[in-house]
Amino acid sequence: MSTRGNLQDISVADLIQQNCQARKTARLTLRAHGEEATVFFAAGQVTHATLGEMQGEEVVYRVLNWTEGHFELEPGIVAPRTTIQRTWSGLLLEGARRLDEAHLAPKPISTYVDSEAKAMELDNVLKELGDQVNGFIATAVVGMDGIGLSHFTKSKKVDVENINAQMTLLVKLIETSVDKLGAGVIEDILLTTEDAYVLARYLKDRGFYLSIVADRKTAQIGNMRLISKLFVERVAKVMPR
């Protein structure tokens, strides 16, 4: 399931950062100024990019300057070739340098360097969470745009990217319904299925949420709720900015 949005709401640099940190395999299509560019992700890196007849790193540097237009993110699409070897943080560093030389105002370079270290720390926090949940299957930190920031799972059968997109739609629907009911602030969202419990809890800024999936046969709802309360604070402290 694809995710669509406006580049006025999220920058190209942030889209690259989020998808690489989530280690997604996906195609990002950007449309602006009558042009269309594609950027491919795999294994936590940008692997290929196209803009007309242009390919490779230069495409990334060009689209980092796009602040208006639209994007579409399609998970699971593999790049037809590899034209980029530089790390994602290296691309953003070089792109920021070029934008700075052009007298624009990019996000400070240090933001992306620091965020890469934060991303590794976030991965470790989620792994620790998994060790403390009975019947643990998967956990993820997801933005309200449906893009996962980080995840950890012990099951190869779990399609985390698809779950993130579907769960976000559900969270938004529940949030709207609760607002209409005037039922107050949501503390958490618990889904009970035949085989699993799925728990979601907002981070403090409510722009992201933490989700936990556990096997219903061995999981305990009280345990999941306690762990989610404890870990949303830890996750917030190590969130890349």
Protein backbone atom coordinates (compact mmCIF):
# COMPACT_ATOMS: atom_id res chain seq x y z
CA MET A 1 0.00 0.00 0.00
CA SER A 2 1.51 3.32 -1.07
CA THR A 3 1.75 6.46 1.07
CA ARG A 4 1.14 9.87 -0.51
CA GLY A 5 1.84 13.34 0.79
CA ASN A 6 2.81 16.94 0.15
CA LEU A 7 6.41 18.19 0.19
CA GLN A 8 5.24 21.26 2.08
CA ASP A 9 4.51 18.97 5.03
CA ILE A 10 7.74 16.94 4.99
CA SER A 11 11.07 17.67 3.32
CA VAL A 12 12.81 15.36 0.86
CA ALA A 13 15.73 15.12 3.30
CA ASP A 14 13.40 13.90 6.05
CA LEU A 15 11.79 11.36 3.71
CA ILE A 16 15.23 9.96 2.87
CA GLN A 17 16.27 9.91 6.51
CA GLN A 18 13.12 8.16 7.74
CA ASN A 19 13.11 5.48 5.05
CA CYS A 20 16.81 4.68 5.43
CA GLN A 21 16.55 4.50 9.21
CA ALA A 22 13.58 2.15 8.82
CA ARG A 23 15.71 0.06 6.42
CA LYS A 24 12.88 -0.04 3.90
CA THR A 25 12.86 -1.47 0.42
CA ALA A 26 10.75 1.05 -1.46
CA ARG A 27 10.41 3.49 -4.33
CA LEU A 28 9.85 7.16 -3.59
CA THR A 29 8.36 9.15 -6.47
CA LEU A 30 8.64 12.93 -6.29
CA ARG A 31 6.67 15.30 -8.54
CA ALA A 32 7.41 19.02 -8.63
CA HIS A 33 7.93 21.83 -11.14
CA GLY A 34 6.63 19.61 -13.94
CA GLU A 35 9.35 17.02 -13.27
CA GLU A 36 9.23 13.52 -11.82
CA ALA A 37 12.08 11.88 -9.91
CA THR A 38 12.37 8.44 -8.34
CA VAL A 39 14.52 7.43 -5.38
CA PHE A 40 14.96 3.77 -4.40
CA PHE A 41 15.76 2.46 -0.92
CA ALA A 42 17.15 -0.89 0.26
CA ALA A 43 18.94 -2.14 3.39
CA GLY A 44 19.05 1.29 5.00
CA GLN A 45 20.55 3.12 2.03
CA VAL A 46 19.61 5.01 -1.12
CA THR A 47 20.59 2.72 -3.98
CA HIS A 48 19.33 4.39 -7.17
CA ALA A 49 17.69 7.63 -8.31
CA THR A 50 16.42 8.95 -11.64
CA LEU A 51 15.27 12.28 -13.02
CA GLY A 52 14.68 12.30 -16.75
CA GLU A 53 17.92 11.00 -18.27
CA MET A 54 19.89 11.80 -15.09
CA GLN A 55 20.75 8.98 -12.67
CA GLY A 56 22.62 8.55 -9.39
CA GLU A 57 23.73 10.99 -6.70
CA GLU A 58 23.14 14.15 -8.73
CA VAL A 59 19.42 13.38 -8.76
CA VAL A 60 19.35 13.31 -4.96
CA TYR A 61 21.16 16.65 -4.75
CA ARG A 62 18.67 18.15 -7.19
CA VAL A 63 15.51 16.97 -5.40
CA LEU A 64 16.76 18.03 -1.95
CA ASN A 65 15.96 21.54 -3.17
CA TRP A 66 12.28 20.68 -3.88
CA THR A 67 10.04 22.23 -1.25
CA GLU A 68 6.77 22.11 -3.18
CA GLY A 69 5.08 19.22 -4.94
CA HIS A 70 3.94 15.74 -4.00
CA PHE A 71 5.44 12.38 -3.14
CA GLU A 72 4.35 8.76 -3.25
CA LEU A 73 6.12 5.99 -1.35
CA GLU A 74 5.58 2.43 -2.61
CA PRO A 75 6.98 -0.31 -0.34
CA GLY A 76 8.57 -3.49 -1.65
CA ILE A 77 9.75 -2.14 -5.03
CA VAL A 78 13.37 -3.05 -5.79
CA ALA A 79 15.65 -0.74 -7.78
CA PRO A 80 16.38 -1.96 -11.33
CA ARG A 81 20.06 -1.12 -10.83
CA THR A 82 22.47 0.38 -8.32
CA THR A 83 23.85 3.81 -9.18
CA ILE A 84 24.56 5.18 -5.69
CA GLN A 85 27.26 3.90 -3.34
CA ARG A 86 27.49 6.80 -0.88
CA THR A 87 25.72 6.32 2.49
CA TRP A 88 22.42 8.12 3.04
CA SER A 89 23.99 10.40 5.64
CA GLY A 90 26.82 11.15 3.22
CA LEU A 91 24.29 12.11 0.55
CA LEU A 92 22.51 14.47 2.91
CA LEU A 93 25.77 15.99 4.12
CA GLU A 94 26.90 16.69 0.56
CA GLY A 95 23.43 17.91 -0.37
CA ALA A 96 23.37 20.26 2.62
CA ARG A 97 26.80 21.60 1.65
CA ARG A 98 25.59 22.33 -1.89
CA LEU A 99 22.41 23.98 -0.67
CA ASP A 100 24.47 26.10 1.72
CA GLU A 101 26.71 27.21 -1.12
CA ALA A 102 23.59 28.19 -3.04
CA HIS A 103 22.65 30.48 -0.11
CA LEU A 104 19.67 28.40 0.86
CA ALA A 105 18.81 27.37 4.38
CA PRO A 106 18.97 23.61 4.84
CA LYS A 107 18.59 21.80 8.10
CA PRO A 108 21.92 21.95 9.99
CA ILE A 109 24.35 19.27 8.79
CA SER A 110 24.95 18.05 12.34
CA THR A 111 21.26 17.11 12.56
CA TYR A 112 21.71 14.20 10.17
CA VAL A 113 25.02 13.03 11.64
CA ASP A 114 23.56 13.00 15.13
CA SER A 115 20.34 11.37 13.96
CA GLU A 116 22.16 8.36 12.51
CA ALA A 117 23.63 7.60 15.94
CA LYS A 118 20.18 8.19 17.48
CA ALA A 119 18.67 5.72 15.02
CA MET A 120 21.05 2.99 16.17
CA GLU A 121 20.17 3.77 19.77
CA LEU A 122 16.46 3.56 18.94
CA ASP A 123 16.97 0.15 17.33
CA ASN A 124 18.62 -1.07 20.54
CA VAL A 125 15.78 0.26 22.70
CA LEU A 126 13.21 -1.65 20.62
CA LYS A 127 15.26 -4.85 20.87
CA GLU A 128 15.32 -4.44 24.65
CA LEU A 129 11.55 -3.91 24.63
CA GLY A 130 11.12 -7.17 22.73
CA ASP A 131 13.01 -9.05 25.43
CA GLN A 132 10.60 -7.82 28.11
CA VAL A 133 7.26 -8.60 26.46
CA ASN A 134 5.83 -12.07 26.95
CA GLY A 135 5.05 -13.73 23.62
CA PHE A 136 6.71 -10.88 21.73
CA ILE A 137 6.29 -10.83 17.93
CA ALA A 138 7.09 -7.31 16.74
CA THR A 139 7.36 -3.65 17.72
CA ALA A 140 7.69 -0.43 15.72
CA VAL A 141 7.86 3.34 16.04
CA VAL A 142 5.61 4.80 13.35
CA GLY A 143 4.77 8.32 12.22
CA MET A 144 1.19 9.39 11.66
CA ASP A 145 2.02 9.45 7.94
CA GLY A 146 2.35 5.66 8.12
CA ILE A 147 6.13 5.71 7.67
CA GLY A 148 7.98 3.53 10.16
CA LEU A 149 10.98 5.10 11.89
CA SER A 150 12.33 1.86 13.35
CA HIS A 151 11.16 -1.66 14.07
CA PHE A 152 12.22 -4.97 15.57
CA THR A 153 10.67 -8.39 15.03
CA LYS A 154 11.48 -11.98 15.85
CA SER A 155 9.29 -13.31 13.05
CA LYS A 156 10.37 -13.31 9.40
CA LYS A 157 6.72 -13.75 8.41
CA VAL A 158 5.74 -10.30 9.67
CA ASP A 159 5.45 -7.63 6.96
CA VAL A 160 6.18 -4.65 9.19
CA GLU A 161 5.84 -2.02 6.45
CA ASN A 162 2.34 -3.16 5.51
CA ILE A 163 1.32 -3.43 9.17
CA ASN A 164 2.56 0.12 9.83
CA ALA A 165 0.47 1.54 7.00
CA GLN A 166 -2.69 -0.35 7.97
CA MET A 167 -2.26 0.33 11.70
CA THR A 168 -1.85 4.05 11.08
CA LEU A 169 -5.12 4.19 9.16
CA LEU A 170 -6.83 2.43 12.05
CA VAL A 171 -5.26 4.72 14.67
CA LYS A 172 -6.47 7.79 12.76
CA LEU A 173 -9.96 6.35 12.44
CA ILE A 174 -10.14 5.57 16.15
CA GLU A 175 -8.78 9.02 17.03
CA THR A 176 -11.48 10.69 14.91
CA SER A 177 -14.21 8.55 16.45
CA VAL A 178 -13.03 9.26 20.00
CA ASP A 179 -12.95 13.01 19.27
CA LYS A 180 -16.52 12.90 17.97
CA LEU A 181 -17.61 10.98 21.07
CA GLY A 182 -15.90 13.52 23.31
CA ALA A 183 -14.39 10.59 25.23
CA GLY A 184 -11.18 12.37 26.18
CA VAL A 185 -7.53 11.63 25.44
CA ILE A 186 -6.61 8.16 24.18
CA GLU A 187 -4.26 6.34 26.57
CA ASP A 188 -3.67 3.35 24.32
CA ILE A 189 -5.35 1.32 21.60
CA LEU A 190 -5.67 -2.43 22.12
CA LEU A 191 -6.76 -4.89 19.42
CA THR A 192 -7.53 -8.46 20.36
CA THR A 193 -7.55 -11.05 17.59
CA GLU A 194 -7.77 -14.82 17.61
CA ASP A 195 -3.99 -15.17 17.69
CA ALA A 196 -2.52 -11.88 18.89
CA TYR A 197 -2.73 -8.68 20.90
CA VAL A 198 -1.82 -5.45 19.13
CA LEU A 199 -1.19 -2.42 21.36
CA ALA A 200 -0.50 1.14 20.22
CA ARG A 201 0.49 4.09 22.39
CA TYR A 202 1.26 7.65 21.31
CA LEU A 203 4.57 9.31 21.99
CA LYS A 204 4.28 12.63 23.82
CA ASP A 205 4.16 14.81 20.70
CA ARG A 206 1.49 12.49 19.20
CA GLY A 207 3.21 12.70 15.84
CA PHE A 208 4.44 9.12 16.35
CA TYR A 209 3.20 6.04 18.14
CA LEU A 210 4.75 2.86 19.52
CA SER A 211 3.11 -0.42 18.50
CA ILE A 212 3.64 -3.85 20.06
CA VAL A 213 2.37 -7.18 18.71
CA ALA A 214 2.42 -10.28 20.92
CA ASP A 215 1.14 -13.86 20.79
CA ARG A 216 -2.22 -14.03 22.60
CA LYS A 217 -1.49 -17.49 24.00
CA THR A 218 1.48 -16.31 26.07
CA ALA A 219 1.14 -12.51 26.22
CA GLN A 220 -0.33 -10.61 29.13
CA ILE A 221 -2.23 -7.38 28.50
CA GLY A 222 -1.05 -5.87 31.79
CA ASN A 223 2.55 -6.61 30.89
CA MET A 224 2.16 -5.06 27.44
CA ARG A 225 0.56 -1.90 28.83
CA LEU A 226 3.24 -1.49 31.49
CA ILE A 227 6.08 -2.00 29.01
CA SER A 228 4.53 0.41 26.53
CA LYS A 229 4.24 3.11 29.22
CA LEU A 230 7.86 2.67 30.25
CA PHE A 231 9.28 2.52 26.75
CA VAL A 232 7.45 5.45 25.12
CA GLU A 233 9.51 7.75 27.35
CA ARG A 234 12.75 5.97 26.44
CA VAL A 235 11.86 5.99 22.77
CA ALA A 236 11.11 9.73 22.88
CA LYS A 237 14.57 10.44 24.32
CA VAL A 238 16.41 8.67 21.50
CA MET A 239 14.16 9.72 18.62
CA PRO A 240 16.15 11.13 15.67
CA ARG A 241 15.24 14.77 15.04
